[in-house]
Protein backbone atom coordinates (compact mmCIF):
# COMPACT_ATOMS: atom_id res chain seq x y z
CA MET A 1 0.00 0.00 0.00
CA GLU A 2 1.46 3.34 -1.07
CA GLU A 3 0.16 6.20 1.02
CA THR A 4 0.42 9.76 -0.28
CA ARG A 5 0.41 13.03 1.64
CA THR A 6 -0.53 16.27 -0.12
CA LYS A 7 -0.86 19.89 0.98
CA LEU A 8 -4.25 21.16 -0.21
CA ALA A 9 -4.17 24.64 1.35
CA PRO A 10 -2.31 26.51 4.09
CA GLY A 11 -2.36 24.17 7.06
CA VAL A 12 -4.56 21.58 5.29
CA TYR A 13 -3.06 18.18 4.48
CA LEU A 14 -4.57 15.10 2.87
CA THR A 15 -3.25 11.59 3.50
CA CYS A 16 -4.58 9.00 1.04
CA LEU A 17 -4.39 5.34 2.03
CA PRO A 18 -5.35 3.36 -1.09
CA ALA A 19 -7.13 0.12 -0.24
CA ARG A 20 -9.31 -2.08 -2.42
CA LYS A 21 -9.96 -4.92 0.03
CA PHE A 22 -12.64 -3.04 1.96
CA LYS A 23 -16.27 -2.69 0.92
CA THR A 24 -16.44 0.70 2.62
CA SER A 25 -14.50 3.93 2.35
CA LEU A 26 -13.40 6.13 5.23
CA LEU A 27 -13.09 9.91 5.15
CA SER A 28 -11.77 11.80 8.16
CA ALA A 29 -11.34 15.50 8.96
CA GLN A 30 -9.39 16.29 12.14
CA PHE A 31 -8.37 19.67 13.54
CA VAL A 32 -5.08 19.38 15.45
CA THR A 33 -4.59 22.00 18.14
CA PRO A 34 -2.44 22.25 21.29
CA LEU A 35 -3.94 20.47 24.30
CA THR A 36 -4.41 22.88 27.20
CA GLU A 37 -6.31 22.83 30.48
CA GLU A 38 -8.10 26.03 29.49
CA ASN A 39 -9.38 24.84 26.11
CA ALA A 40 -9.70 21.05 26.44
CA ALA A 41 -13.38 21.04 27.43
CA VAL A 42 -14.53 23.60 24.88
CA ASN A 43 -12.61 21.84 22.09
CA ALA A 44 -14.16 18.52 23.14
CA LEU A 45 -17.66 20.03 23.06
CA LEU A 46 -17.30 21.64 19.64
CA PRO A 47 -17.54 18.60 17.30
CA ALA A 48 -20.54 17.28 19.24
CA VAL A 49 -22.42 20.54 18.64
CA LEU A 50 -21.33 20.73 14.99
CA ARG A 51 -22.65 17.19 14.49
CA ARG A 52 -26.17 18.35 15.46
CA GLY A 53 -26.84 19.91 12.06
CA THR A 54 -25.93 22.16 9.13
CA MET A 55 -27.73 25.08 7.52
CA GLN A 56 -29.11 22.70 4.89
CA TYR A 57 -29.86 19.92 7.39
CA PRO A 58 -30.56 21.88 10.60
CA ASP A 59 -31.48 19.00 12.91
CA MET A 60 -30.67 15.36 13.55
CA THR A 61 -33.79 14.18 11.73
CA SER A 62 -32.94 15.83 8.42
CA LEU A 63 -29.23 15.08 8.78
CA ASN A 64 -29.84 11.40 9.43
CA ALA A 65 -32.30 11.29 6.54
CA GLN A 66 -29.54 12.52 4.23
CA LEU A 67 -27.19 9.87 5.59
CA ASP A 68 -29.86 7.27 4.84
CA ASN A 69 -30.03 8.61 1.28
CA LEU A 70 -26.29 7.96 1.07
CA TYR A 71 -26.92 4.23 1.57
CA GLY A 72 -26.61 4.38 5.34
CA ALA A 73 -23.41 6.40 5.56
CA GLN A 74 -22.24 7.25 9.06
CA VAL A 75 -20.57 10.38 10.40
CA ASP A 76 -19.25 10.29 13.96
CA TYR A 77 -17.55 13.10 15.83
CA THR A 78 -14.21 12.36 17.48
CA VAL A 79 -12.23 13.73 20.42
CA ARG A 80 -8.72 12.31 20.71
CA LYS A 81 -5.44 13.06 22.42
CA LYS A 82 -2.22 12.46 20.51
CA ALA A 83 0.72 13.24 22.80
CA GLU A 84 0.16 16.92 23.65
CA SER A 85 -2.11 17.63 20.68
CA HIS A 86 -5.90 17.70 20.82
CA CYS A 87 -7.54 16.18 17.73
CA VAL A 88 -11.23 16.93 17.18
CA GLY A 89 -13.35 16.41 14.10
CA PHE A 90 -15.34 13.81 12.17
CA VAL A 91 -14.90 10.34 10.71
CA ALA A 92 -17.28 9.26 7.94
CA SER A 93 -17.81 5.69 6.75
CA PHE A 94 -19.73 4.86 3.58
CA ILE A 95 -20.05 2.18 0.92
CA ASP A 96 -17.11 2.17 -1.45
CA ASP A 97 -18.14 3.29 -4.95
CA ALA A 98 -17.21 -0.12 -6.35
CA PHE A 99 -20.12 -1.63 -4.42
CA VAL A 100 -22.79 1.07 -4.84
CA PRO A 101 -25.78 -0.02 -7.00
CA GLY A 102 -26.13 1.61 -10.40
CA LYS A 103 -22.57 2.96 -10.40
CA GLU A 104 -23.62 5.88 -8.22
CA THR A 105 -20.72 7.73 -6.58
CA LEU A 106 -20.79 8.62 -2.89
CA LEU A 107 -17.34 10.10 -2.25
CA GLU A 108 -18.20 13.62 -3.43
CA LYS A 109 -21.54 13.64 -1.61
CA VAL A 110 -20.06 12.50 1.68
CA ALA A 111 -17.19 14.98 1.33
CA SER A 112 -19.75 17.72 0.71
CA LEU A 113 -21.63 16.78 3.87
CA LEU A 114 -18.41 16.85 5.90
CA GLY A 115 -17.66 20.27 4.44
CA GLN A 116 -21.09 21.51 5.52
CA LEU A 117 -20.61 20.21 9.07
CA ILE A 118 -17.33 22.12 9.28
CA CYS A 119 -18.04 25.28 7.29
CA GLU A 120 -21.82 25.67 7.46
CA PRO A 121 -23.02 24.54 10.89
CA VAL A 122 -26.56 25.48 11.85
CA THR A 123 -26.61 28.86 13.62
CA ARG A 124 -29.11 31.47 14.76
CA ASN A 125 -28.16 35.16 14.74
CA GLY A 126 -24.53 34.22 14.16
CA ARG A 127 -24.36 31.86 17.14
CA PHE A 128 -24.82 28.17 17.79
CA LEU A 129 -28.30 27.16 18.87
CA PRO A 130 -28.41 27.39 22.71
CA GLU A 131 -30.49 24.23 23.00
CA TYR A 132 -27.85 22.24 21.09
CA VAL A 133 -25.04 23.65 23.22
CA GLU A 134 -26.86 22.93 26.47
CA SER A 135 -27.72 19.37 25.46
CA GLU A 136 -24.22 18.44 24.32
CA ARG A 137 -22.63 20.23 27.27
CA ALA A 138 -24.67 18.02 29.60
CA ASN A 139 -23.48 14.96 27.66
CA LEU A 140 -19.85 16.10 27.99
CA VAL A 141 -20.20 16.62 31.75
CA ASP A 142 -21.69 13.11 32.05
CA THR A 143 -18.74 11.71 30.08
CA ILE A 144 -16.23 13.43 32.37
CA ARG A 145 -18.04 12.16 35.45
CA GLY A 146 -18.07 8.70 33.92
CA ILE A 147 -14.25 8.57 34.14
CA LEU A 148 -14.55 8.71 37.92
CA ASN A 149 -16.93 5.75 37.85
CA ASP A 150 -14.32 3.58 36.11
CA LYS A 151 -11.63 3.54 38.78
CA ARG A 152 -9.03 1.99 36.51
CA ASP A 153 -9.35 4.81 33.94
CA TYR A 154 -9.52 7.33 36.76
CA ALA A 155 -6.33 6.07 38.39
CA GLU A 156 -4.46 6.09 35.06
CA LEU A 157 -5.56 9.69 34.46
CA ARG A 158 -4.60 10.74 37.98
CA LEU A 159 -1.14 9.20 37.58
CA LEU A 160 -0.53 11.26 34.45
CA GLN A 161 -1.92 14.38 36.14
CA GLU A 162 0.48 13.96 39.05
CA MET A 163 3.46 12.98 36.92
CA CYS A 164 2.92 15.67 34.29
CA CYS A 165 1.55 18.39 36.58
CA GLY A 166 1.84 21.70 34.74
CA GLU A 167 2.41 19.91 31.41
CA PRO A 168 -0.25 19.46 28.70
CA TYR A 169 0.24 15.68 28.78
CA GLY A 170 -1.52 15.54 32.12
CA VAL A 171 -4.72 17.07 30.70
CA SER A 172 -7.72 14.84 29.93
CA ARG A 173 -8.96 14.92 26.34
CA PHE A 174 -12.39 15.89 27.68
CA GLY A 175 -11.13 18.64 29.98
CA SER A 176 -12.43 19.24 33.49
CA GLU A 177 -16.02 19.15 34.71
CA GLN A 178 -15.73 22.64 36.16
CA ARG A 179 -14.67 24.20 32.86
CA ALA A 180 -17.19 22.17 30.85
CA GLU A 181 -20.09 23.44 32.96
CA LYS A 182 -19.13 27.06 32.28
CA ILE A 183 -18.99 26.87 28.45
CA SER A 184 -21.39 29.34 26.85
CA ALA A 185 -22.72 29.37 23.28
CA GLN A 186 -20.76 32.58 22.70
CA LYS A 187 -17.50 31.07 23.96
CA LEU A 188 -18.04 27.94 21.86
CA TYR A 189 -18.65 29.93 18.67
CA ALA A 190 -15.54 32.04 19.27
CA THR A 191 -13.53 28.82 19.64
CA TYR A 192 -15.08 27.49 16.42
CA THR A 193 -14.12 30.54 14.35
CA ASP A 194 -10.56 30.42 15.65
CA LEU A 195 -10.23 26.68 15.11
CA ILE A 196 -11.37 26.56 11.48
CA SER A 197 -9.27 29.56 10.47
CA SER A 198 -5.94 29.05 12.23
CA THR A 199 -5.59 25.37 13.22
CA ARG A 200 -3.95 22.51 11.31
CA LEU A 201 -6.52 20.36 9.48
CA GLU A 202 -5.54 16.77 8.74
CA LEU A 203 -7.67 14.88 6.19
CA PHE A 204 -7.55 11.14 5.65
CA TYR A 205 -9.08 8.89 3.01
CA CYS A 206 -9.00 5.10 2.87
CA GLY A 207 -10.68 3.45 -0.08
CA SER A 208 -10.38 2.63 -3.77
CA ALA A 209 -10.74 6.13 -5.29
CA ALA A 210 -7.77 7.75 -7.02
CA PRO A 211 -5.96 10.39 -4.90
CA GLU A 212 -6.66 13.08 -7.52
CA ARG A 213 -10.38 12.49 -7.25
CA VAL A 214 -10.25 12.64 -3.45
CA GLN A 215 -8.33 15.92 -3.61
CA ASP A 216 -10.90 17.48 -5.94
CA ALA A 217 -13.80 16.31 -3.78
CA LEU A 218 -12.32 17.79 -0.60
CA LEU A 219 -11.18 21.03 -2.24
CA ASN A 220 -14.74 21.60 -3.43
CA ALA A 221 -16.23 20.62 -0.07
CA LEU A 222 -13.90 22.94 1.87
CA SER A 223 -13.75 25.80 -0.63
CA THR A 224 -15.14 28.29 1.95
CA LEU A 225 -12.85 27.16 4.78
CA PRO A 226 -11.00 30.26 6.06
CA ARG A 227 -7.26 29.90 6.42
CA GLU A 228 -5.74 32.87 8.25
CA ASN A 229 -2.43 32.85 10.10
CA VAL A 230 -2.36 29.08 10.52
CA ARG A 231 -0.42 28.18 13.64
CA PRO A 232 2.43 25.68 13.27
CA LEU A 233 2.16 22.27 14.86
CA THR A 234 3.32 22.22 18.49
CA LEU A 235 5.52 19.23 19.22
CA THR A 236 5.55 17.45 22.57
CA GLU A 237 8.37 18.14 25.00
CA VAL A 238 9.91 15.11 26.70
CA HIS A 239 9.16 14.84 30.42
CA THR A 240 11.95 16.11 32.67
CA PRO A 241 12.79 13.48 35.32
CA ARG A 242 12.33 14.42 38.97
CA GLY A 243 15.18 14.50 41.45
CA GLU A 244 13.15 12.41 43.88
CA ILE A 245 10.12 10.14 43.59
CA LYS A 246 6.74 11.86 43.91
CA THR A 247 4.13 9.82 45.80
CA THR A 248 0.42 10.65 45.93
CA THR A 249 -2.19 8.67 47.85
CA GLU A 250 -5.92 9.19 47.49
CA ALA A 251 -8.75 7.55 49.45
CA MET A 252 -12.17 6.79 47.96
CA ASP A 253 -15.02 4.37 48.51
CA VAL A 254 -13.39 1.48 46.60
CA THR A 255 -12.89 -2.21 47.38
CA GLN A 256 -9.80 -2.66 45.20
CA GLY A 257 -6.66 -0.55 45.32
CA LYS A 258 -5.20 1.00 42.18
CA LEU A 259 -1.43 1.30 42.08
CA GLY A 260 0.03 3.41 39.28
CA MET A 261 3.75 3.91 38.74
CA GLY A 262 5.25 6.36 36.26
CA PHE A 263 8.81 6.00 34.94
CA SER A 264 10.89 8.48 32.97
CA CYS A 265 12.96 7.19 30.04
CA GLY A 266 16.38 8.72 29.60
CA SER A 267 16.98 7.05 26.22
CA ASP A 268 15.64 8.25 22.88
CA ASP A 269 15.97 4.79 21.29
CA PHE A 270 12.26 4.43 20.58
CA PRO A 271 12.23 0.90 19.07
CA ALA A 272 14.36 -0.47 21.92
CA LEU A 273 12.13 1.09 24.58
CA LEU A 274 9.04 -0.21 22.81
CA MET A 275 10.46 -3.73 22.87
CA GLY A 276 11.59 -3.30 26.46
CA ASN A 277 8.16 -2.16 27.59
CA THR A 278 6.53 -5.11 25.79
CA LEU A 279 8.81 -7.43 27.73
CA PHE A 280 8.12 -5.57 30.97
CA GLY A 281 4.32 -5.23 30.91
CA GLY A 282 3.06 -4.59 27.40
CA SER A 283 1.63 -8.03 26.55
CA SER A 284 0.07 -11.15 28.03
CA ASN A 285 3.53 -12.78 27.94
CA SER A 286 5.19 -9.93 29.84
CA LYS A 287 6.96 -10.18 33.18
CA LEU A 288 4.29 -8.15 34.97
CA PHE A 289 1.51 -10.39 33.71
CA LEU A 290 3.23 -13.75 34.15
CA ASN A 291 4.95 -13.05 37.47
CA VAL A 292 3.20 -10.27 39.40
CA ARG A 293 -0.30 -11.28 38.34
CA GLU A 294 -0.21 -15.00 37.51
CA LYS A 295 2.62 -16.52 39.54
CA LEU A 296 2.51 -14.38 42.70
CA SER A 297 -1.18 -13.31 42.49
CA LEU A 298 -0.32 -9.84 43.79
CA CYS A 299 -2.50 -8.02 41.25
CA TYR A 300 -5.88 -8.46 39.64
CA TYR A 301 -4.28 -6.89 36.57
CA ALA A 302 -0.87 -5.43 35.82
CA SER A 303 0.30 -3.87 32.56
CA SER A 304 2.48 -1.08 31.23
CA ILE A 305 2.29 1.46 28.42
CA TYR A 306 5.16 3.22 26.65
CA HIS A 307 4.39 6.87 25.84
CA ARG A 308 6.82 7.52 23.01
CA GLN A 309 6.55 11.29 22.51
CA LYS A 310 6.64 12.04 26.23
CA GLY A 311 9.41 9.56 27.09
CA LEU A 312 7.40 7.76 29.77
CA ILE A 313 6.40 4.27 30.82
CA THR A 314 3.35 3.94 33.07
CA VAL A 315 2.29 0.86 35.01
CA SER A 316 -1.35 0.24 35.92
CA SER A 317 -2.35 -2.40 38.47
CA GLY A 318 -5.26 -3.41 40.68
CA ILE A 319 -4.37 -4.79 44.10
CA GLU A 320 -5.61 -5.60 47.59
CA PHE A 321 -4.83 -2.66 49.88
CA GLU A 322 -2.54 -4.75 52.10
CA ASN A 323 -0.48 -5.87 49.09
CA TYR A 324 0.70 -2.36 48.26
CA GLN A 325 4.34 -2.74 49.30
CA ARG A 326 4.73 -6.27 47.96
CA ALA A 327 3.27 -5.30 44.57
CA TYR A 328 5.34 -2.10 44.49
CA ASP A 329 8.56 -4.01 45.19
CA GLU A 330 7.79 -6.81 42.74
CA ILE A 331 7.01 -4.41 39.89
CA LEU A 332 10.42 -2.83 40.40
CA THR A 333 12.00 -6.30 40.57
CA GLN A 334 10.52 -7.21 37.19
CA LEU A 335 11.76 -3.93 35.68
CA LYS A 336 15.25 -4.68 37.00
CA ALA A 337 15.10 -8.13 35.41
CA VAL A 338 14.45 -6.55 32.00
CA GLN A 339 17.21 -3.99 32.56
CA GLU A 340 19.69 -6.75 33.39
CA GLY A 341 18.60 -9.03 30.56
CA LYS A 342 17.31 -11.77 32.83
CA MET A 343 14.96 -13.54 30.46
CA ASP A 344 14.64 -16.52 28.19
CA ASP A 345 14.84 -16.42 24.40
CA TRP A 346 11.11 -17.18 24.10
CA GLU A 347 10.30 -13.98 26.03
CA LEU A 348 12.30 -11.86 23.61
CA GLU A 349 10.82 -13.50 20.53
CA GLY A 350 7.36 -13.38 22.05
CA ALA A 351 7.64 -9.61 22.51
CA ARG A 352 8.92 -9.22 18.97
CA SER A 353 6.04 -11.31 17.61
CA THR A 354 3.49 -9.28 19.59
CA LEU A 355 4.69 -6.00 18.08
CA LEU A 356 5.03 -7.36 14.56
CA ASN A 357 1.48 -8.72 14.69
CA ALA A 358 0.22 -5.38 15.97
CA TYR A 359 1.84 -3.48 13.09
CA ALA A 360 0.64 -6.04 10.55
CA SER A 361 -2.96 -5.78 11.80
CA ILE A 362 -3.10 -2.01 11.26
CA GLY A 363 -3.67 -2.58 7.55
CA ASP A 364 -6.65 -4.83 8.27
CA SER A 365 -8.79 -1.98 9.60
CA GLN A 366 -9.59 1.42 8.12
CA VAL A 367 -10.19 2.75 11.63
CA LYS A 368 -6.74 1.58 12.76
CA LEU A 369 -5.12 3.04 9.66
CA GLU A 370 -6.74 6.44 10.17
CA ASN A 371 -5.89 6.47 13.87
CA PHE A 372 -2.26 5.47 13.24
CA TYR A 373 -1.62 8.08 10.56
CA LEU A 374 -3.40 10.78 12.57
CA GLY A 375 -1.04 10.02 15.43
CA GLN A 376 1.94 10.30 13.11
CA ALA A 377 0.75 13.58 11.61
CA ALA A 378 -0.17 15.13 14.95
CA THR A 379 3.21 14.32 16.50
CA GLY A 380 5.43 15.06 13.51
CA GLN A 381 6.38 11.44 12.81
CA GLU A 382 6.72 9.91 9.35
CA GLU A 383 7.38 6.17 9.81
CA THR A 384 4.95 3.75 8.21
CA PRO A 385 3.83 0.56 10.01
CA GLU A 386 6.10 -1.41 7.69
CA GLU A 387 9.12 0.74 8.58
CA LEU A 388 8.42 0.44 12.29
CA ALA A 389 8.04 -3.32 11.94
CA GLU A 390 11.42 -3.53 10.20
CA GLN A 391 13.04 -1.72 13.13
CA ILE A 392 11.60 -4.31 15.49
CA ARG A 393 12.83 -7.18 13.30
CA ARG A 394 16.38 -5.81 13.44
CA MET A 395 16.30 -5.17 17.19
CA ASP A 396 18.95 -6.99 19.26
CA ASP A 397 18.76 -7.65 22.98
CA LYS A 398 21.75 -5.46 23.86
CA ARG A 399 19.99 -2.32 22.59
CA ILE A 400 16.91 -3.19 24.60
CA PHE A 401 18.76 -3.62 27.87
CA GLU A 402 20.80 -0.43 27.37
CA ALA A 403 17.68 1.61 26.64
CA MET A 404 15.74 0.14 29.57
CA GLN A 405 18.60 0.92 31.98
CA SER A 406 17.68 4.59 31.51
CA VAL A 407 14.17 3.96 32.91
CA LYS A 408 13.78 5.44 36.41
CA LEU A 409 10.83 5.60 38.79
CA ASP A 410 9.42 9.12 38.80
CA THR A 411 5.87 9.15 40.26
CA VAL A 412 3.67 6.79 42.28
CA TYR A 413 -0.11 7.11 42.61
CA PHE A 414 -2.14 4.89 44.94
CA LEU A 415 -5.92 4.88 45.17
CA LYS A 416 -7.03 3.12 48.36
CA GLY A 417 -10.27 2.58 50.23
CA LYS A 418 -11.52 4.93 52.93
CA GLU A 419 -11.39 2.16 55.54
CA ALA A 420 -7.76 1.46 54.69
CA ALA A 421 -7.01 5.15 55.14
CA GLU A 422 -8.39 5.23 58.68
């Protein structure tokens, strides 16, 4: 598969991912803007309100009727976090032209509808409809509150907030409940006008149409998009390690403790750290899973994630309150084992196989392809899945151990029960 990337206008880029094995096509429009505590909630609310209607289709009934006319096409709004960039917009899925009855073409019509959602949202007196803003604001607040209800997600967010306090990486993609509740229709419209005129717009297409046709369709659909003083992409700054470990403990009405541990990575050898993290806790064959969870039964779950752009590894685990110290010590013991190369050949090859399978599977899903290339575009990376896979194939154990020796404990977050706190 040969992807192409083209500049359509100032700050507007199209990535075409030719694919003929799917019966559907995917078209995505994503605004990429810096993630900040002040603007996270209002940016998250914006695509939900835009999705409520256009000037031609001013409500959900008429908009959905048009989607039905397009053979059941779907348009979903998206709110994503890619490193320290906030990506908000729409993803459309529709029948590929090769499978539409009567040789009817849908690409141009779907592109036109996306253009209307972005450039011609339904307004009244130059403002968004208050009833739409109020409804979607309530939905956003419910979503933010829902994070607290899932204690695993909540603990992972709190770890990043503590570790990256004062840094954009610690901000939730949905923003805070307090800021969400205060968003007015006027504030939202001001954010909208700024976003469409001065923010990077990344477009993605996956399907069988020729790139030239996709370009023409999107240029026509976005012909009225203002482009004034487009801000350059803001790249993520690597986390600065602390001089001493930061520990935060929080008590809530929970029956299972949540232990999160954040590590800073002093190496910039991305492929080696990715392999090292997979060995440590990034798969079902990892040391955290097989030893801390299965063999010693210290955790209900234990896994780790490598945050490439930020230079972090975070560990998430669920434990009995009384097992805190034992789990803490054993997690560090397993990290040390990776750093010292204490492992069997099957562990190394198992980690390699896990990553190679993950990269190979990206091409099996249009959603995965769009999400992968959005992440690359938003963070200034250019490697393809095939190039990343080749780096993993060529990885030797010495590089892994050297890179993992730079990993140091930085922040600890523990969520315990109220009874355990007394």
